[in-house]
Amino acid sequence: MKRILAVFISTLLGIACVRAADSTEKRVKFKFGGRIDAQLFHDSYTSKASNSGIFYYFPLAPEYNAQGQDLHRENSLRFGVANSRLRFTATAADILGGEAAGYVETDFMGSGSNIGVLRLRHAYISLNWERSQLMIGQTNNLSVPEEVFPNTVAHGAGTPLNPQSRIPQIRYSRKLGEIVRLSAAAGFYTGKEGEAQAYGLVPDFALRLSVGDNRTKVSVSGAVKSIRPRNLTEDSIRTHRRVAAFNASIFGLYTFGGGHKLTAFAMWGEDLSTLSMLGGYGPRLRDVERGETDYGYTTTQTIAMWLGFETKIMKGWQPGLLTGWTKNLGSGREIDLAEAEIPDKGIDWYFRLSPRLWYHYKQLSFGLEYMYSLASWGRAFDAHYRPTERYENSQNHRVTLLARFKF
């Protein structure tokens, strides 16, 4: 990690030196910034969480011993700084009739348990004109409502109630009026579904229409992806079977009373796992039972929604609240659960309620948040991935304390 960090810092210093030396190039401007996060958090129940517990999802299903005790009913206390971030921006005027910009952002979240290693969050080029923008590189998936992201203290901005996904993409946006904006993007995933998408030769297509300004806004989005999960069947016969998945969402923002902000989001979709939400896909059960090696696929469906509120009560103080719910709706066709690609297989629904309080003073911010999480896990399912038996609901109480310095 030290070696990677040294290379990163050396690169930034080299850029700064080039900038100082080339004083004749006035149209290129550079900006370096970031933040340092230090957070302490306590959990009362074993939960799904990545990056040494910083990225929280939901409580796990109960697991009982011979005495009937739930082994996941365990307290934990952790401290982390890996969500600290570094960002670099370069802008140049008068490029193709507009302004060009390059943006890079990293954190130290690594991957899985490999914490403390630089991780690329954003890296893109943007060309900005008076009424349009072209963006090429990695940034938030167009299905992610970054304009109304919950300002939570705990990392994750409400995931899995709220989609989280940063992918390489080509995005074009255009203003159709003073308050109307249309955006379209073609993107590519990484990981296992990214490989299935690569061999399927079809990117993820997304479209968003936004109406409003920074105080009041409504946006609707839709996306479709088509992947090819296998190249060969079990008997080494080439297969071109695909699985297509759709999603649709809406989010809104309303600011009133001199600083009170109300936000809301809702999404329905198929195989939302690539957005860090519930869902997946699997072989059609009927094809498998008939002994077809070149079987078709079906997806599971999910609904998610959340409501947020934030205000300012005194100078520097900013209380807020996030509450939401997500539910597995099962599969449209009978699915072979034994071979299904469903991360977190078994969870049926999840509820979260998390009040928070921020205090801001110049570059310093301090946050306190209580998160109540309640999850229902299925013990047995029917052929459409709907629970027929359930475990007792599992619940977790997380308290997060955070100190942040922005620069």
Protein backbone atom coordinates (compact mmCIF):
# COMPACT_ATOMS: atom_id res chain seq x y z
CA MET A 1 0.00 0.00 0.00
CA LYS A 2 2.85 2.42 0.89
CA ARG A 3 4.38 1.84 -2.52
CA ILE A 4 1.11 2.58 -4.33
CA LEU A 5 0.52 5.66 -2.20
CA ALA A 6 4.05 6.91 -2.88
CA VAL A 7 3.50 6.54 -6.63
CA PHE A 8 0.18 8.39 -6.40
CA ILE A 9 1.63 11.29 -4.40
CA SER A 10 4.70 11.46 -6.65
CA THR A 11 2.44 11.70 -9.69
CA LEU A 12 0.50 14.57 -8.14
CA LEU A 13 3.72 16.37 -7.21
CA GLY A 14 5.03 15.86 -10.73
CA ILE A 15 1.88 17.39 -12.16
CA ALA A 16 2.24 20.34 -9.81
CA CYS A 17 5.85 20.84 -10.91
CA VAL A 18 4.89 20.73 -14.57
CA ARG A 19 2.22 23.29 -13.89
CA ALA A 20 4.67 25.61 -12.17
CA ALA A 21 7.26 25.22 -14.92
CA ASP A 22 4.85 25.77 -17.77
CA SER A 23 3.64 29.21 -16.76
CA THR A 24 2.80 30.09 -20.34
CA GLU A 25 -0.09 27.60 -20.44
CA LYS A 26 -2.80 29.71 -18.83
CA ARG A 27 -5.89 27.91 -20.01
CA VAL A 28 -5.26 24.71 -18.02
CA LYS A 29 -6.23 24.86 -14.34
CA PHE A 30 -5.59 22.24 -11.67
CA LYS A 31 -7.30 21.56 -8.38
CA PHE A 32 -6.38 19.02 -5.71
CA GLY A 33 -8.58 18.18 -2.72
CA GLY A 34 -10.15 15.47 -0.64
CA ARG A 35 -11.21 14.59 2.85
CA ILE A 36 -10.03 12.59 5.85
CA ASP A 37 -12.68 10.46 7.57
CA ALA A 38 -12.23 8.79 10.95
CA GLN A 39 -15.22 6.80 12.16
CA LEU A 40 -16.02 4.66 15.17
CA PHE A 41 -19.01 2.33 14.92
CA HIS A 42 -20.73 -0.26 17.13
CA ASP A 43 -22.99 -3.12 15.97
CA SER A 44 -25.23 -5.29 18.13
CA TYR A 45 -25.69 -8.12 15.59
CA THR A 46 -23.47 -9.81 13.01
CA SER A 47 -24.27 -8.28 9.63
CA LYS A 48 -23.20 -8.25 6.02
CA ALA A 49 -20.59 -5.50 5.80
CA SER A 50 -17.53 -5.08 3.61
CA ASN A 51 -14.29 -3.11 3.89
CA SER A 52 -13.71 -4.04 7.55
CA GLY A 53 -17.30 -3.23 8.43
CA ILE A 54 -17.35 0.31 7.03
CA PHE A 55 -19.75 -0.48 4.16
CA TYR A 56 -22.90 -1.77 5.88
CA TYR A 57 -25.72 -3.71 4.21
CA PHE A 58 -28.08 -5.62 6.58
CA PRO A 59 -28.21 -8.14 9.46
CA LEU A 60 -27.49 -11.78 8.58
CA ALA A 61 -30.02 -14.59 8.99
CA PRO A 62 -30.15 -16.12 12.48
CA GLU A 63 -27.88 -19.09 13.14
CA TYR A 64 -28.72 -21.24 16.16
CA ASN A 65 -26.66 -23.68 18.20
CA ALA A 66 -27.92 -26.82 19.91
CA GLN A 67 -29.14 -24.75 22.87
CA GLY A 68 -31.24 -22.51 20.61
CA GLN A 69 -28.97 -19.48 21.03
CA ASP A 70 -28.55 -17.15 18.08
CA LEU A 71 -24.83 -17.12 17.34
CA HIS A 72 -25.12 -13.86 15.41
CA ARG A 73 -26.34 -11.95 18.45
CA GLU A 74 -22.89 -10.50 19.07
CA ASN A 75 -21.63 -6.97 19.79
CA SER A 76 -18.68 -5.47 17.93
CA LEU A 77 -16.77 -2.19 17.95
CA ARG A 78 -14.62 -1.01 15.05
CA PHE A 79 -12.65 2.04 13.96
CA GLY A 80 -11.80 2.93 10.36
CA VAL A 81 -10.28 5.65 8.21
CA ALA A 82 -10.30 3.92 4.79
CA ASN A 83 -13.15 6.06 3.47
CA SER A 84 -10.78 9.05 3.30
CA ARG A 85 -10.60 10.36 -0.26
CA LEU A 86 -8.27 12.15 -2.67
CA ARG A 87 -9.46 13.98 -5.78
CA PHE A 88 -7.80 15.78 -8.65
CA THR A 89 -9.40 17.99 -11.32
CA ALA A 90 -7.93 19.57 -14.43
CA THR A 91 -9.90 21.96 -16.65
CA ALA A 92 -9.06 23.53 -20.00
CA ALA A 93 -11.03 26.23 -21.79
CA ASP A 94 -11.67 26.58 -25.51
CA ILE A 95 -11.62 22.88 -26.40
CA LEU A 96 -13.91 21.95 -29.32
CA GLY A 97 -15.98 25.03 -28.62
CA GLY A 98 -16.43 24.32 -24.92
CA GLU A 99 -14.56 23.41 -21.74
CA ALA A 100 -12.78 20.11 -21.19
CA ALA A 101 -12.18 18.58 -17.77
CA GLY A 102 -10.56 15.51 -16.29
CA TYR A 103 -11.50 14.18 -12.87
CA VAL A 104 -9.95 11.41 -10.74
CA GLU A 105 -11.13 10.36 -7.28
CA THR A 106 -9.83 7.56 -5.08
CA ASP A 107 -10.34 6.24 -1.59
CA PHE A 108 -8.57 3.59 0.51
CA MET A 109 -11.40 1.04 0.74
CA GLY A 110 -9.54 -1.57 -1.30
CA SER A 111 -11.59 -4.66 -2.14
CA GLY A 112 -13.31 -6.94 0.37
CA SER A 113 -11.01 -7.46 3.34
CA ASN A 114 -8.05 -5.95 1.47
CA ILE A 115 -8.50 -2.63 3.28
CA GLY A 116 -6.20 0.39 3.09
CA VAL A 117 -5.34 0.01 -0.61
CA LEU A 118 -6.11 2.77 -3.10
CA ARG A 119 -9.35 2.14 -4.97
CA LEU A 120 -10.45 4.02 -8.07
CA ARG A 121 -13.84 5.65 -7.62
CA HIS A 122 -14.10 8.07 -10.53
CA ALA A 123 -11.89 8.70 -13.57
CA TYR A 124 -13.48 10.48 -16.49
CA ILE A 125 -13.13 13.12 -19.20
CA SER A 126 -15.96 15.59 -19.71
CA LEU A 127 -16.59 18.01 -22.56
CA ASN A 128 -18.98 20.78 -21.53
CA TRP A 129 -20.86 23.08 -23.86
CA GLU A 130 -23.56 25.64 -23.16
CA ARG A 131 -26.45 23.18 -23.36
CA SER A 132 -24.85 19.74 -23.48
CA GLN A 133 -22.17 17.53 -21.94
CA LEU A 134 -20.24 14.45 -23.10
CA MET A 135 -18.65 12.29 -20.40
CA ILE A 136 -16.28 9.37 -21.08
CA GLY A 137 -14.82 7.22 -18.29
CA GLN A 138 -15.85 5.78 -14.94
CA THR A 139 -18.44 7.48 -12.76
CA ASN A 140 -21.82 6.76 -11.14
CA ASN A 141 -24.22 4.52 -13.03
CA LEU A 142 -27.02 6.63 -14.51
CA SER A 143 -29.47 4.61 -12.38
CA VAL A 144 -27.81 6.06 -9.25
CA PRO A 145 -29.65 9.18 -7.95
CA GLU A 146 -26.51 11.14 -7.03
CA GLU A 147 -28.46 14.42 -6.97
CA VAL A 148 -30.44 13.27 -3.91
CA PHE A 149 -27.88 10.98 -2.25
CA PRO A 150 -28.76 10.57 1.44
CA ASN A 151 -26.28 12.56 3.52
CA THR A 152 -25.78 9.71 5.98
CA VAL A 153 -22.98 9.55 8.54
CA ALA A 154 -22.48 5.82 8.01
CA HIS A 155 -20.78 4.98 4.71
CA GLY A 156 -22.95 3.69 1.87
CA ALA A 157 -25.64 6.37 1.46
CA GLY A 158 -28.45 3.93 2.28
CA THR A 159 -27.35 0.86 0.32
CA PRO A 160 -29.08 -1.58 -0.37
CA LEU A 161 -32.13 0.72 -0.32
CA ASN A 162 -30.23 3.10 -2.57
CA PRO A 163 -28.28 1.90 -5.64
CA GLN A 164 -24.48 2.09 -5.59
CA SER A 165 -22.58 1.49 -8.81
CA ARG A 166 -19.68 3.17 -10.58
CA ILE A 167 -18.96 1.82 -14.06
CA PRO A 168 -17.00 2.78 -17.19
CA GLN A 169 -19.43 4.49 -19.55
CA ILE A 170 -20.10 7.00 -22.29
CA ARG A 171 -22.76 9.51 -21.24
CA TYR A 172 -24.38 12.36 -23.13
CA SER A 173 -26.62 14.97 -21.50
CA ARG A 174 -28.55 17.83 -23.03
CA LYS A 175 -30.72 20.64 -21.73
CA LEU A 176 -34.08 20.69 -23.49
CA GLY A 177 -35.17 23.88 -21.77
CA GLU A 178 -34.41 25.93 -18.70
CA ILE A 179 -35.40 23.15 -16.29
CA VAL A 180 -35.45 19.99 -18.46
CA ARG A 181 -32.43 17.73 -18.93
CA LEU A 182 -32.16 14.43 -20.81
CA SER A 183 -29.25 12.02 -20.25
CA ALA A 184 -28.34 8.75 -21.96
CA ALA A 185 -25.50 6.37 -21.16
CA ALA A 186 -23.95 3.12 -22.36
CA GLY A 187 -21.94 1.41 -19.62
CA PHE A 188 -20.00 -1.74 -18.80
CA TYR A 189 -19.91 -3.67 -15.55
CA THR A 190 -16.99 -5.44 -13.94
CA GLY A 191 -16.77 -8.75 -12.10
CA LYS A 192 -18.67 -11.90 -13.05
CA GLU A 193 -21.60 -10.10 -14.67
CA GLY A 194 -19.11 -7.84 -16.42
CA GLU A 195 -17.56 -10.90 -18.06
CA ALA A 196 -21.01 -12.15 -19.05
CA GLN A 197 -21.75 -8.72 -20.49
CA ALA A 198 -18.44 -8.65 -22.37
CA TYR A 199 -19.16 -11.93 -24.15
CA GLY A 200 -22.70 -10.77 -24.80
CA LEU A 201 -21.30 -7.72 -26.65
CA VAL A 202 -24.10 -5.45 -25.38
CA PRO A 203 -23.54 -2.57 -22.91
CA ASP A 204 -25.97 -1.45 -20.25
CA PHE A 205 -28.25 1.24 -21.74
CA ALA A 206 -29.75 3.85 -19.41
CA LEU A 207 -31.92 6.93 -19.90
CA ARG A 208 -32.89 9.69 -17.47
CA LEU A 209 -35.25 12.67 -17.77
CA SER A 210 -34.98 15.38 -15.11
CA VAL A 211 -37.32 18.33 -14.63
CA GLY A 212 -36.57 21.07 -12.11
CA ASP A 213 -33.73 22.98 -10.49
CA ASN A 214 -31.52 22.60 -7.39
CA ARG A 215 -34.46 23.30 -5.07
CA THR A 216 -37.24 21.28 -6.65
CA LYS A 217 -36.69 18.39 -9.04
CA VAL A 218 -38.26 15.17 -10.30
CA SER A 219 -36.33 12.59 -12.34
CA VAL A 220 -37.37 9.33 -13.96
CA SER A 221 -34.87 6.73 -15.16
CA GLY A 222 -34.86 3.42 -16.95
CA ALA A 223 -32.16 0.93 -17.90
CA VAL A 224 -31.77 -2.41 -19.66
CA LYS A 225 -28.91 -4.89 -19.72
CA SER A 226 -28.40 -8.14 -21.62
CA ILE A 227 -25.74 -10.64 -20.56
CA ARG A 228 -24.55 -14.03 -21.78
CA PRO A 229 -23.86 -16.03 -18.59
CA ARG A 230 -22.17 -18.99 -20.33
CA ASN A 231 -20.18 -19.49 -23.49
CA LEU A 232 -20.34 -23.30 -23.30
CA THR A 233 -22.83 -25.80 -21.91
CA GLU A 234 -21.81 -28.60 -19.56
CA ASP A 235 -21.20 -30.85 -22.55
CA SER A 236 -18.94 -28.22 -24.22
CA ILE A 237 -21.49 -27.06 -26.81
CA ARG A 238 -21.37 -23.33 -27.57
CA THR A 239 -24.42 -21.48 -26.24
CA HIS A 240 -25.71 -17.98 -26.98
CA ARG A 241 -28.50 -17.97 -24.42
CA ARG A 242 -28.99 -14.55 -22.81
CA VAL A 243 -30.74 -13.02 -19.85
CA ALA A 244 -32.15 -9.51 -20.10
CA ALA A 245 -33.00 -7.34 -17.10
CA PHE A 246 -34.82 -4.03 -16.80
CA ASN A 247 -35.17 -1.42 -14.08
CA ALA A 248 -37.13 1.80 -13.65
CA SER A 249 -36.86 4.44 -10.95
CA ILE A 250 -38.05 7.86 -9.87
CA PHE A 251 -36.60 10.33 -7.41
CA GLY A 252 -37.62 13.76 -6.20
CA LEU A 253 -36.26 16.74 -4.30
CA TYR A 254 -38.26 19.49 -2.60
CA THR A 255 -36.71 22.36 -0.64
CA PHE A 256 -38.94 24.56 1.49
CA GLY A 257 -38.98 26.91 4.46
CA GLY A 258 -35.51 28.33 3.96
CA GLY A 259 -33.48 25.13 4.14
CA HIS A 260 -35.73 22.14 4.86
CA LYS A 261 -35.04 19.45 2.26
CA LEU A 262 -37.27 16.47 1.51
CA THR A 263 -36.02 13.71 -0.81
CA ALA A 264 -37.54 10.45 -2.00
CA PHE A 265 -36.57 7.53 -4.24
CA ALA A 266 -38.28 4.38 -5.55
CA MET A 267 -37.06 1.63 -7.90
CA TRP A 268 -38.38 -1.57 -9.39
CA GLY A 269 -36.03 -3.84 -11.24
CA GLU A 270 -34.80 -7.24 -12.31
CA ASP A 271 -31.41 -8.54 -11.16
CA LEU A 272 -30.42 -5.40 -9.25
CA SER A 273 -27.31 -7.09 -7.85
CA THR A 274 -25.05 -4.98 -10.10
CA LEU A 275 -26.42 -1.91 -8.27
CA SER A 276 -25.48 -3.39 -4.84
CA MET A 277 -29.16 -4.17 -4.22
CA LEU A 278 -31.19 -7.37 -3.79
CA GLY A 279 -31.68 -9.66 -6.75
CA GLY A 280 -30.07 -11.98 -9.27
CA TYR A 281 -30.85 -14.53 -11.98
CA GLY A 282 -30.76 -18.27 -12.54
CA PRO A 283 -31.61 -21.14 -14.91
CA ARG A 284 -35.26 -21.77 -15.72
CA LEU A 285 -36.31 -24.69 -13.57
CA ARG A 286 -38.48 -26.27 -16.28
CA ASP A 287 -35.54 -26.42 -18.72
CA VAL A 288 -33.30 -28.01 -16.09
CA GLU A 289 -35.92 -30.59 -15.09
CA ARG A 290 -36.29 -31.57 -18.75
CA GLY A 291 -32.57 -32.24 -18.89
CA GLU A 292 -31.78 -29.41 -21.31
CA THR A 293 -28.12 -28.48 -21.03
CA ASP A 294 -28.69 -25.32 -23.10
CA TYR A 295 -31.24 -23.91 -20.67
CA GLY A 296 -32.74 -20.42 -20.57
CA TYR A 297 -32.70 -17.96 -17.67
CA THR A 298 -35.05 -15.96 -15.53
CA THR A 299 -34.48 -13.00 -13.19
CA THR A 300 -35.68 -12.13 -9.72
CA GLN A 301 -37.52 -8.86 -9.18
CA THR A 302 -36.99 -6.32 -6.41
CA ILE A 303 -38.63 -3.14 -5.20
CA ALA A 304 -36.85 -0.53 -3.08
CA MET A 305 -37.83 2.86 -1.70
CA TRP A 306 -36.60 5.43 0.77
CA LEU A 307 -37.55 8.83 2.18
CA GLY A 308 -35.09 11.41 3.46
CA PHE A 309 -35.33 14.68 5.35
CA GLU A 310 -32.65 17.21 6.29
CA THR A 311 -32.70 20.69 7.79
CA LYS A 312 -30.64 23.28 9.65
CA ILE A 313 -31.68 24.28 13.16
CA MET A 314 -28.76 26.49 14.20
CA LYS A 315 -25.56 27.69 12.61
CA GLY A 316 -23.52 24.59 11.80
CA TRP A 317 -26.07 22.03 13.05
CA GLN A 318 -27.73 19.79 10.46
CA PRO A 319 -30.11 17.03 11.62
CA GLY A 320 -31.53 14.51 9.19
CA LEU A 321 -33.41 11.25 8.81
CA LEU A 322 -33.42 8.33 6.37
CA THR A 323 -35.96 5.53 6.33
CA GLY A 324 -36.60 2.92 3.68
CA TRP A 325 -37.58 -0.62 2.75
CA THR A 326 -36.66 -3.13 0.04
CA LYS A 327 -38.43 -6.37 -0.87
CA ASN A 328 -37.72 -9.45 -2.96
CA LEU A 329 -40.68 -10.02 -5.33
CA GLY A 330 -39.54 -13.42 -6.57
CA SER A 331 -38.97 -14.57 -10.15
CA GLY A 332 -41.37 -14.31 -13.05
CA ARG A 333 -40.72 -17.90 -14.09
CA GLU A 334 -39.76 -20.88 -11.96
CA ILE A 335 -36.06 -20.69 -11.12
CA ASP A 336 -33.46 -23.33 -10.24
CA LEU A 337 -32.31 -21.88 -6.91
CA ALA A 338 -29.52 -24.41 -6.54
CA GLU A 339 -27.69 -22.92 -9.55
CA ALA A 340 -28.97 -19.35 -9.32
CA GLU A 341 -26.58 -16.37 -9.22
CA ILE A 342 -28.24 -14.47 -6.37
CA PRO A 343 -25.90 -12.68 -3.96
CA ASP A 344 -27.28 -12.80 -0.40
CA LYS A 345 -29.65 -15.60 -1.38
CA GLY A 346 -32.40 -15.97 1.20
CA ILE A 347 -33.12 -12.39 2.29
CA ASP A 348 -36.75 -11.45 1.62
CA TRP A 349 -37.05 -7.87 2.87
CA TYR A 350 -35.06 -5.25 4.75
CA PHE A 351 -36.08 -2.10 6.65
CA ARG A 352 -33.90 0.75 7.90
CA LEU A 353 -34.50 3.82 10.08
CA SER A 354 -31.52 6.10 10.72
CA PRO A 355 -31.70 9.55 12.34
CA ARG A 356 -28.47 11.57 12.26
CA LEU A 357 -26.92 14.82 13.39
CA TRP A 358 -24.11 16.71 11.68
CA TYR A 359 -22.13 19.66 13.01
CA HIS A 360 -20.05 21.68 10.54
CA TYR A 361 -17.39 24.24 11.42
CA LYS A 362 -15.33 25.53 8.51
CA GLN A 363 -13.38 22.52 7.15
CA LEU A 364 -14.34 20.29 10.09
CA SER A 365 -17.47 18.13 10.36
CA PHE A 366 -18.64 15.79 13.11
CA GLY A 367 -21.45 13.28 12.66
CA LEU A 368 -23.52 11.04 14.93
CA GLU A 369 -25.98 8.49 13.52
CA TYR A 370 -28.14 5.73 14.95
CA MET A 371 -29.17 3.07 12.43
CA TYR A 372 -31.91 0.55 13.17
CA SER A 373 -31.95 -2.39 10.74
CA LEU A 374 -34.55 -5.16 10.51
CA ALA A 375 -34.31 -8.06 8.04
CA SER A 376 -36.51 -11.03 7.21
CA TRP A 377 -34.78 -14.15 5.86
CA GLY A 378 -36.52 -17.11 4.28
CA ARG A 379 -35.84 -20.61 5.56
CA ALA A 380 -37.52 -22.32 2.58
CA PHE A 381 -38.69 -21.03 -0.82
CA ASP A 382 -41.07 -22.06 -3.58
CA ALA A 383 -40.07 -22.38 -7.23
CA HIS A 384 -40.58 -18.63 -7.77
CA TYR A 385 -38.15 -17.70 -4.98
CA ARG A 386 -40.87 -16.64 -2.58
CA PRO A 387 -40.45 -17.70 1.06
CA THR A 388 -42.70 -20.44 2.42
CA GLU A 389 -40.96 -20.51 5.81
CA ARG A 390 -39.12 -17.72 7.60
CA TYR A 391 -36.56 -17.27 10.33
CA GLU A 392 -37.28 -14.95 13.18
CA ASN A 393 -36.51 -11.40 12.06
CA SER A 394 -32.92 -10.32 12.68
CA GLN A 395 -32.17 -6.79 13.82
CA ASN A 396 -29.09 -4.69 14.34
CA HIS A 397 -28.43 -1.41 16.11
CA ARG A 398 -25.47 0.51 14.70
CA VAL A 399 -24.16 3.75 16.20
CA THR A 400 -21.59 5.70 14.17
CA LEU A 401 -19.38 8.58 15.28
CA LEU A 402 -17.43 10.35 12.55
CA ALA A 403 -14.88 13.17 12.32
CA ARG A 404 -14.17 14.67 8.89
CA PHE A 405 -11.68 17.22 7.60
CA LYS A 406 -12.13 18.55 4.07
CA PHE A 407 -9.36 20.15 2.04
